[in-house]
Protein backbone atom coordinates (compact mmCIF):
# COMPACT_ATOMS: atom_id res chain seq x y z
CA MET A 1 167.62 212.71 165.97
CA ARG A 2 170.93 213.86 164.43
CA LEU A 3 171.44 217.51 163.54
CA SER A 4 172.66 216.56 160.07
CA GLY A 5 169.40 214.74 159.41
CA VAL A 6 167.39 217.78 160.48
CA LEU A 7 169.42 220.10 158.24
CA LEU A 8 169.14 217.81 155.23
CA SER A 9 165.43 217.31 155.82
CA PHE A 10 165.11 221.09 156.05
CA VAL A 11 166.74 221.39 152.63
CA SER A 12 164.37 218.78 151.16
CA HIS A 13 161.15 220.20 152.55
CA GLY A 14 162.34 223.77 152.41
CA ALA A 15 163.19 223.54 148.72
CA ARG A 16 159.69 222.38 147.83
CA PHE A 17 157.69 224.67 150.08
CA LEU A 18 159.87 227.74 149.60
CA ALA A 19 160.01 227.32 145.83
CA ASN A 20 156.22 227.10 145.65
CA ALA A 21 155.61 229.86 148.19
CA VAL A 22 158.08 232.35 146.72
CA LEU A 23 156.88 231.60 143.19
CA LEU A 24 153.31 232.38 144.17
CA MET A 25 154.48 235.51 145.98
CA VAL A 26 156.09 236.68 142.73
CA LEU A 27 152.91 235.93 140.79
CA ALA A 28 150.80 237.75 143.38
CA ARG A 29 153.00 240.82 143.08
CA LEU A 30 152.98 240.74 139.25
CA TRP A 31 149.28 240.06 138.75
CA GLY A 32 147.39 241.71 141.60
CA PRO A 33 144.75 240.13 143.89
CA GLU A 34 142.02 239.33 141.33
CA GLN A 35 144.15 237.71 138.60
CA PHE A 36 146.26 235.93 141.20
CA GLY A 37 143.09 234.74 142.93
CA GLY A 38 141.92 233.03 139.74
CA PHE A 39 145.24 231.25 139.35
CA ALA A 40 145.30 230.27 143.05
CA TYR A 41 141.79 228.83 142.70
CA ALA A 42 142.82 226.74 139.67
CA THR A 43 145.90 225.54 141.57
CA ALA A 44 143.77 224.49 144.54
CA VAL A 45 141.38 222.50 142.32
CA ALA A 46 144.32 220.81 140.56
CA ALA A 47 145.89 220.04 143.94
CA LEU A 48 142.69 218.39 145.16
CA LEU A 49 142.65 216.12 142.10
CA GLY A 50 146.37 215.49 142.48
CA LEU A 51 145.82 214.40 146.06
CA VAL A 52 143.53 211.63 144.88
CA GLY A 53 146.20 210.61 142.39
CA SER A 54 148.85 210.46 145.11
CA TRP A 55 146.81 207.85 147.02
CA GLY A 56 148.91 208.54 150.10
CA LEU A 57 151.65 206.33 148.66
CA SER A 58 154.52 208.63 149.59
CA GLN A 59 153.60 208.22 153.27
CA LYS A 60 153.17 204.48 152.86
CA THR A 61 156.46 204.18 150.98
CA MET A 62 158.38 206.12 153.63
CA ARG A 63 156.98 203.99 156.43
CA ASP A 64 157.50 200.70 154.56
CA ALA A 65 161.05 201.64 153.54
CA ALA A 66 161.90 202.44 157.16
CA VAL A 67 160.68 198.98 158.19
CA ASP A 68 162.33 197.07 155.27
CA PRO A 69 165.05 199.21 153.60
CA ALA A 70 166.19 196.38 151.31
CA ARG A 71 162.90 196.49 149.38
CA ALA A 72 162.65 200.28 149.01
CA GLY A 73 163.17 200.18 145.24
CA ALA A 74 160.49 197.55 144.70
CA GLN A 75 158.06 199.46 146.91
CA VAL A 76 158.58 202.62 144.86
CA ARG A 77 157.99 200.81 141.58
CA SER A 78 154.75 199.34 142.88
CA GLY A 79 153.64 202.77 144.08
CA VAL A 80 154.41 204.45 140.76
CA VAL A 81 152.48 201.88 138.74
CA ALA A 82 149.54 202.22 141.13
CA GLN A 83 149.56 206.01 140.81
CA CYS A 84 149.67 205.76 137.01
CA LEU A 85 146.50 203.64 137.05
CA LEU A 86 144.68 206.55 138.69
CA VAL A 87 145.66 209.13 136.07
CA PRO A 88 143.11 208.28 133.29
CA PRO A 89 139.95 208.63 135.42
CA LEU A 90 141.32 211.80 136.96
CA LEU A 91 142.00 213.22 133.50
CA VAL A 92 138.34 212.63 132.68
CA ALA A 93 137.43 214.55 135.82
CA VAL A 94 139.73 217.43 134.85
CA LEU A 95 138.18 217.70 131.40
CA ALA A 96 134.66 217.48 132.81
CA ILE A 97 135.30 220.21 135.38
CA GLY A 98 136.72 222.55 132.77
CA SER A 99 134.35 221.74 129.92
CA PHE A 100 131.10 222.09 131.87
CA GLY A 101 132.05 225.40 133.47
CA ILE A 102 132.00 224.13 137.05
CA GLY A 103 135.62 225.04 137.70
CA PRO A 104 138.72 226.56 136.08
CA PRO A 105 139.08 226.28 132.27
CA PRO A 106 140.75 223.10 130.97
CA ASP A 107 143.66 224.93 129.28
CA LEU A 108 144.70 226.16 132.75
CA LEU A 109 143.61 223.23 134.88
CA LEU A 110 145.13 220.45 132.73
CA PRO A 111 148.81 221.49 132.92
CA LEU A 112 148.47 222.30 136.62
CA PHE A 113 147.05 218.84 137.23
CA GLY A 114 149.92 217.34 135.23
CA ALA A 115 152.36 219.19 137.47
CA PHE A 116 150.82 217.60 140.54
CA VAL A 117 150.93 214.12 138.98
CA ALA A 118 154.66 214.56 138.32
CA LEU A 119 155.13 215.88 141.86
CA ASN A 120 153.42 212.79 143.27
CA LEU A 121 155.92 210.56 141.48
CA ALA A 122 158.86 212.64 142.68
CA GLU A 123 157.57 212.59 146.26
CA THR A 124 157.18 208.81 146.22
CA ALA A 125 160.81 208.38 145.19
CA ALA A 126 161.94 210.95 147.77
CA ALA A 127 159.93 209.22 150.49
CA ALA A 128 161.88 206.01 149.93
CA CYS A 129 165.17 207.90 150.34
CA ARG A 130 163.83 209.39 153.57
CA GLY A 131 162.65 206.03 154.84
CA ILE A 132 166.06 204.40 154.42
CA GLY A 133 167.76 207.36 156.06
CA ARG A 134 169.36 208.81 152.91
CA PHE A 135 168.40 212.39 153.66
CA ASP A 136 171.36 213.56 151.55
CA ALA A 137 169.95 211.96 148.41
CA GLU A 138 166.50 213.34 149.09
CA ALA A 139 167.96 216.81 149.64
CA ARG A 140 169.89 216.79 146.34
CA ALA A 141 166.88 215.62 144.34
CA SER A 142 164.60 218.16 146.01
CA ALA A 143 166.99 221.07 145.55
CA PHE A 144 167.43 220.28 141.86
CA GLY A 145 163.78 219.59 141.05
CA ASN A 146 162.31 222.51 142.94
CA GLY A 147 164.97 224.84 141.61
CA VAL A 148 164.00 223.96 138.04
CA PHE A 149 160.31 224.34 138.95
CA PHE A 150 160.87 227.80 140.43
CA VAL A 151 163.03 229.13 137.60
CA ALA A 152 160.62 227.83 134.95
CA GLY A 153 157.61 229.45 136.61
CA VAL A 154 159.22 232.84 137.20
CA ALA A 155 160.71 232.94 133.70
CA ALA A 156 157.34 232.16 132.12
CA ALA A 157 155.58 234.82 134.21
CA LEU A 158 158.12 237.47 133.21
CA ILE A 159 158.49 236.57 129.53
CA LEU A 160 155.27 234.91 128.31
CA PRO A 161 151.74 236.33 128.50
CA GLY A 162 148.91 234.59 130.30
CA GLN A 163 148.39 232.18 133.16
CA GLU A 164 148.34 229.18 130.83
CA ALA A 165 151.98 229.72 129.86
CA VAL A 166 152.98 229.73 133.53
CA ALA A 167 151.00 226.53 134.12
CA LEU A 168 152.78 224.78 131.22
CA ALA A 169 156.16 225.89 132.54
CA LEU A 170 155.31 224.51 135.98
CA PHE A 171 154.36 221.18 134.42
CA ALA A 172 157.73 221.00 132.62
CA GLY A 173 159.51 221.88 135.86
CA ARG A 174 157.82 219.08 137.79
CA LEU A 175 158.67 216.55 135.05
CA ALA A 176 162.33 217.47 135.53
CA HIS A 177 161.84 217.14 139.30
CA ALA A 178 160.46 213.61 138.94
CA ALA A 179 163.27 212.55 136.63
CA GLY A 180 165.89 213.82 139.07
CA ALA A 181 164.24 212.09 142.04
CA PHE A 182 164.20 208.69 140.32
CA LEU A 183 167.80 209.01 139.19
CA MET A 184 168.82 209.79 142.76
CA LEU A 185 166.81 206.88 144.17
CA ARG A 186 168.41 204.52 141.69
CA ALA A 187 171.86 205.65 142.83
CA VAL A 188 171.27 204.93 146.53
CA THR A 189 169.23 201.70 146.49
CA THR A 190 170.39 198.19 145.75
CA ALA A 191 168.72 195.95 143.21
CA PRO A 192 165.65 194.43 144.89
CA GLY A 193 165.76 190.74 145.65
CA SER A 194 162.04 190.27 145.15
CA ALA A 195 159.35 191.94 143.12
CA GLY A 196 157.12 194.55 144.69
CA ALA A 197 153.42 194.13 145.23
CA GLY A 198 151.09 194.41 142.25
CA ALA A 199 149.48 197.74 141.46
CA LEU A 200 145.99 196.72 142.59
CA GLU A 201 147.36 195.19 145.77
CA THR A 202 149.29 198.40 146.44
CA LEU A 203 146.15 200.46 145.95
CA ARG A 204 144.25 198.25 148.38
CA ALA A 205 147.03 198.31 150.97
CA GLY A 206 147.39 202.06 150.62
CA ALA A 207 143.66 202.80 150.90
CA VAL A 208 143.84 203.93 154.52
CA PHE A 209 146.87 206.11 153.72
CA ALA A 210 145.00 207.46 150.71
CA GLY A 211 141.94 208.39 152.73
CA GLU A 212 143.95 210.21 155.38
CA SER A 213 146.30 211.85 152.88
CA VAL A 214 143.50 213.06 150.61
CA ALA A 215 141.51 214.35 153.57
CA THR A 216 144.51 216.15 155.05
CA GLY A 217 145.47 217.67 151.72
CA ALA A 218 141.89 218.62 150.96
CA PHE A 219 141.68 220.37 154.31
CA LEU A 220 144.72 222.45 153.28
CA GLN A 221 143.24 223.33 149.87
CA VAL A 222 139.52 223.62 150.47
CA ASP A 223 139.88 226.97 152.23
CA THR A 224 141.01 228.65 148.99
CA VAL A 225 138.09 227.14 147.10
CA VAL A 226 135.63 228.24 149.79
CA VAL A 227 137.00 231.79 149.91
CA LYS A 228 136.77 232.10 146.14
CA LEU A 229 133.23 230.72 145.96
CA VAL A 230 131.98 232.78 148.93
CA LEU A 231 133.86 236.07 148.54
CA GLY A 232 135.23 236.09 144.97
CA GLU A 233 138.60 235.97 143.22
CA ALA A 234 140.02 239.18 144.73
CA ALA A 235 139.43 237.87 148.27
CA ALA A 236 140.93 234.51 147.28
CA GLY A 237 144.00 236.33 145.99
CA ALA A 238 144.39 238.34 149.20
CA TYR A 239 143.93 235.20 151.29
CA GLN A 240 146.36 233.07 149.31
CA ALA A 241 148.96 235.83 149.44
CA GLY A 242 148.82 235.59 153.23
CA VAL A 243 148.85 231.82 153.22
CA ARG A 244 152.19 231.92 151.37
CA PHE A 245 153.74 233.26 154.59
CA VAL A 246 152.08 230.45 156.51
CA VAL A 247 153.69 227.95 154.13
CA VAL A 248 157.11 229.57 154.60
CA ALA A 249 156.70 229.42 158.37
CA LEU A 250 155.80 225.74 158.26
CA VAL A 251 158.94 224.76 156.32
CA ALA A 252 160.78 224.24 159.61
CA ALA A 253 157.93 222.13 160.96
CA GLN A 254 157.89 219.97 157.83
CA ALA A 255 161.65 219.45 158.01
CA VAL A 256 161.50 218.31 161.63
CA ALA A 257 158.54 216.05 160.86
CA GLY A 258 160.47 214.39 158.02
CA VAL A 259 163.18 213.35 160.48
CA PHE A 260 160.97 212.42 163.42
CA VAL A 261 158.69 209.98 161.56
CA PRO A 262 161.41 207.42 160.69
CA SER A 263 162.90 207.76 164.19
CA LEU A 264 159.50 207.11 165.77
CA VAL A 265 158.85 204.11 163.49
CA ALA A 266 162.22 202.65 164.48
CA ARG A 267 161.15 202.78 168.16
CA LEU A 268 157.78 201.04 167.72
CA GLY A 269 159.19 197.85 169.23
CA ASP A 270 160.34 199.72 172.35
CA ARG A 271 157.26 201.38 173.78
CA PRO A 272 159.01 203.48 176.49
CA ALA A 273 161.48 204.79 173.91
CA PHE A 274 158.59 205.56 171.53
CA ALA A 275 156.77 207.49 174.26
CA LEU A 276 159.88 209.49 175.12
CA GLN A 277 160.47 210.41 171.48
CA ALA A 278 156.81 211.38 171.09
CA ARG A 279 157.09 213.79 174.03
CA ARG A 280 160.11 215.36 172.37
CA VAL A 281 158.01 215.83 169.23
CA PHE A 282 155.28 217.62 171.18
CA ALA A 283 157.82 219.91 172.85
CA VAL A 284 159.55 220.83 169.58
CA PHE A 285 156.34 221.61 167.74
CA ALA A 286 154.90 223.59 170.63
CA GLY A 287 158.03 225.74 170.63
CA LEU A 288 157.84 226.30 166.90
CA GLY A 289 154.17 227.26 167.08
CA CYS A 290 154.70 229.82 169.84
CA ALA A 291 157.68 231.36 168.01
CA PHE A 292 155.64 231.81 164.83
CA LEU A 293 152.71 233.27 166.76
CA VAL A 294 154.93 236.01 168.19
CA ALA A 295 156.65 236.68 164.85
CA PHE A 296 153.40 237.09 162.90
CA ALA A 297 151.92 239.39 165.53
CA ALA A 298 155.01 241.59 165.75
CA TRP A 299 156.18 241.88 162.14
CA GLY A 300 153.63 240.18 159.86
CA ASP A 301 151.76 243.21 158.57
CA GLY A 302 154.90 245.17 157.71
CA ILE A 303 156.44 242.21 155.87
CA VAL A 304 153.27 241.63 153.85
CA LEU A 305 153.15 245.24 152.65
CA ALA A 306 156.86 245.24 151.86
CA VAL A 307 156.54 242.10 149.74
CA TYR A 308 153.24 242.70 147.96
CA GLY A 309 152.60 246.44 148.08
CA GLY A 310 149.56 248.51 148.97
CA ASP A 311 147.13 246.42 146.91
CA TYR A 312 147.36 243.76 149.63
CA ALA A 313 146.38 245.87 152.66
CA GLN A 314 143.63 243.34 153.38
CA THR A 315 146.26 240.61 153.59
CA ALA A 316 148.38 242.67 156.01
CA ALA A 317 145.42 243.03 158.35
CA LEU A 318 145.17 239.22 158.55
CA ALA A 319 148.76 238.73 159.78
CA PRO A 320 148.08 238.31 163.56
CA LEU A 321 145.25 235.86 162.90
CA LEU A 322 147.44 233.93 160.48
CA GLY A 323 149.99 233.65 163.28
CA VAL A 324 147.37 231.95 165.45
CA LEU A 325 146.60 229.62 162.54
CA VAL A 326 150.28 228.65 162.19
CA CYS A 327 150.58 228.02 165.93
CA VAL A 328 147.56 225.72 166.08
CA ARG A 329 148.69 223.92 162.92
CA CYS A 330 152.14 223.27 164.43
CA LEU A 331 150.60 221.84 167.58
CA ALA A 332 148.35 219.57 165.53
CA ALA A 333 151.31 218.47 163.38
CA GLY A 334 153.22 217.35 166.47
CA ALA A 335 150.43 215.02 167.54
CA GLY A 336 149.71 214.02 163.94
CA ILE A 337 153.15 212.62 163.16
CA VAL A 338 153.04 210.51 166.34
CA LEU A 339 149.81 209.00 165.04
CA LEU A 340 151.35 208.53 161.58
CA ALA A 341 154.35 206.69 162.99
CA ALA A 342 152.09 204.53 165.16
CA GLY A 343 150.06 203.50 162.11
CA ALA A 344 146.89 205.22 163.34
CA GLN A 345 145.80 206.30 159.85
CA THR A 346 142.13 205.60 160.46
CA TRP A 347 142.04 207.95 163.46
CA ARG A 348 143.90 210.64 161.51
CA LEU A 349 141.38 210.27 158.68
CA LEU A 350 138.35 210.56 160.97
CA ALA A 351 139.85 213.53 162.81
CA THR A 352 140.64 215.32 159.57
CA LEU A 353 137.19 214.71 158.13
CA ALA A 354 135.60 216.03 161.33
CA ALA A 355 137.72 219.18 161.25
CA MET A 356 137.17 219.78 157.53
CA GLY A 357 133.44 219.24 157.92
CA THR A 358 133.42 221.77 160.73
CA TYR A 359 135.18 224.33 158.54
CA VAL A 360 133.01 223.85 155.45
CA ALA A 361 129.75 223.89 157.42
CA ALA A 362 130.67 226.96 159.46
CA ALA A 363 132.04 228.81 156.42
CA ALA A 364 128.87 228.13 154.43
CA ILE A 365 126.66 229.38 157.26
CA VAL A 366 128.51 232.44 158.53
CA GLY A 367 131.20 233.11 155.93
CA PRO A 368 129.32 235.61 153.74
CA ARG A 369 128.49 237.70 156.82
CA LEU A 370 131.91 237.60 158.48
CA GLY A 371 134.09 238.35 155.46
CA LEU A 372 137.67 237.23 154.92
CA GLU A 373 138.84 237.72 158.50
CA GLY A 374 135.88 235.68 159.73
CA LEU A 375 136.69 232.82 157.36
CA VAL A 376 140.27 232.73 158.66
CA ALA A 377 138.91 232.61 162.22
CA VAL A 378 136.65 229.71 161.22
CA ASN A 379 139.71 227.92 159.82
CA VAL A 380 141.53 228.41 163.13
CA GLY A 381 138.57 226.92 164.97
CA ALA A 382 138.52 223.89 162.66
CA LEU A 383 142.24 223.36 163.22
CA ALA A 384 141.60 223.48 166.97
CA VAL A 385 139.10 220.64 166.50
CA LEU A 386 141.77 218.71 164.61
CA LEU A 387 144.31 219.39 167.38
CA GLY A 388 141.95 218.11 170.07
CA LEU A 389 141.19 214.91 168.18
CA TYR A 390 144.83 214.27 167.30
CA LEU A 391 145.90 214.79 170.91
CA SER A 392 143.26 212.43 172.25
CA GLY A 393 144.41 209.69 169.87
CA ALA A 394 148.10 210.25 170.59
CA ILE A 395 147.60 210.30 174.37
CA ARG A 396 145.74 206.98 174.26
CA ARG A 397 148.69 205.40 172.48
CA LEU A 398 151.22 206.87 174.89
CA ARG A 399 149.27 205.51 177.85
CA VAL A 400 149.65 202.07 176.36
CA ALA A 401 153.38 202.72 176.22
């Protein structure tokens, strides 16, 4: 793993996660816990629908491009057409959720969903750049697109009234992100010698990636929905304000993961080399998790109050527990990317469903009695289930090696 690749991957992942995290921090500070909680809830619902629309094709494209770089452009085109086929039924779902009062209003949910659709397209193009080792191209596209996204959102929040205006600005920002990503991909790939797979064939081939990707993403979003439904919008706002620091902490982990996956895929034909690289992954992610655990425990509460102010005292009290959450998530990510590189999507899917089911069931039973801190503890326990299942699957594959 070259240092330049790590740094460029850090720029790519960092631009996306930091832009989103800092933007939401600004909104939390401007709006307060209750108004911010309503917006965070709408964003989580839109993200869940967007996950279905992604169909896991960015992961599939990255892996396929690493195996056959010459066909990266054709693979992206097939993925984009397949994702576009999923948009109409998801639009119906968006309108139904908003119109029947079972979720956020459609004038807020619709542009947020559109932003996630555009992000899916941008991520598919970026994944191809990553798969062929062009981390520089991915970094430039990500820095541009996420910069536009961030500036548009902050400007709308400061100048225009209402959450809907911010949502529309975010949609426009993601459209610019997608356009930049495809222009960059076009510049670094050669003209494909053969056509890509058809859209329906791509959807069928990506089904296992879709299941795992949707489940993993849903596990990351369902906590906000549960907190809002169980404890209300103010609690959801306090929780999401804390989660923004978790996202910032995980930028480093995402950057390292973006470099390790192609390097692991390249070693699939050499099982001892694959096993050695997998052990390096575990060591790196364990170190990151422990570092974040110490940082959250030592300085988390003070940083939260400095960023958000006294209205978020409840968030500050969660800081040590959020540090535990970050640590367990890093450990699980280390085992998870080994499984991803090895093509063990079915195991990742089953493990994620088991962990998410554990969280939802426990939160429904004990959440109202335990309050916000208890729900975070339940989330930590569910992530520990995920870690155990991921490790068991990864260890089995390393024994084969």
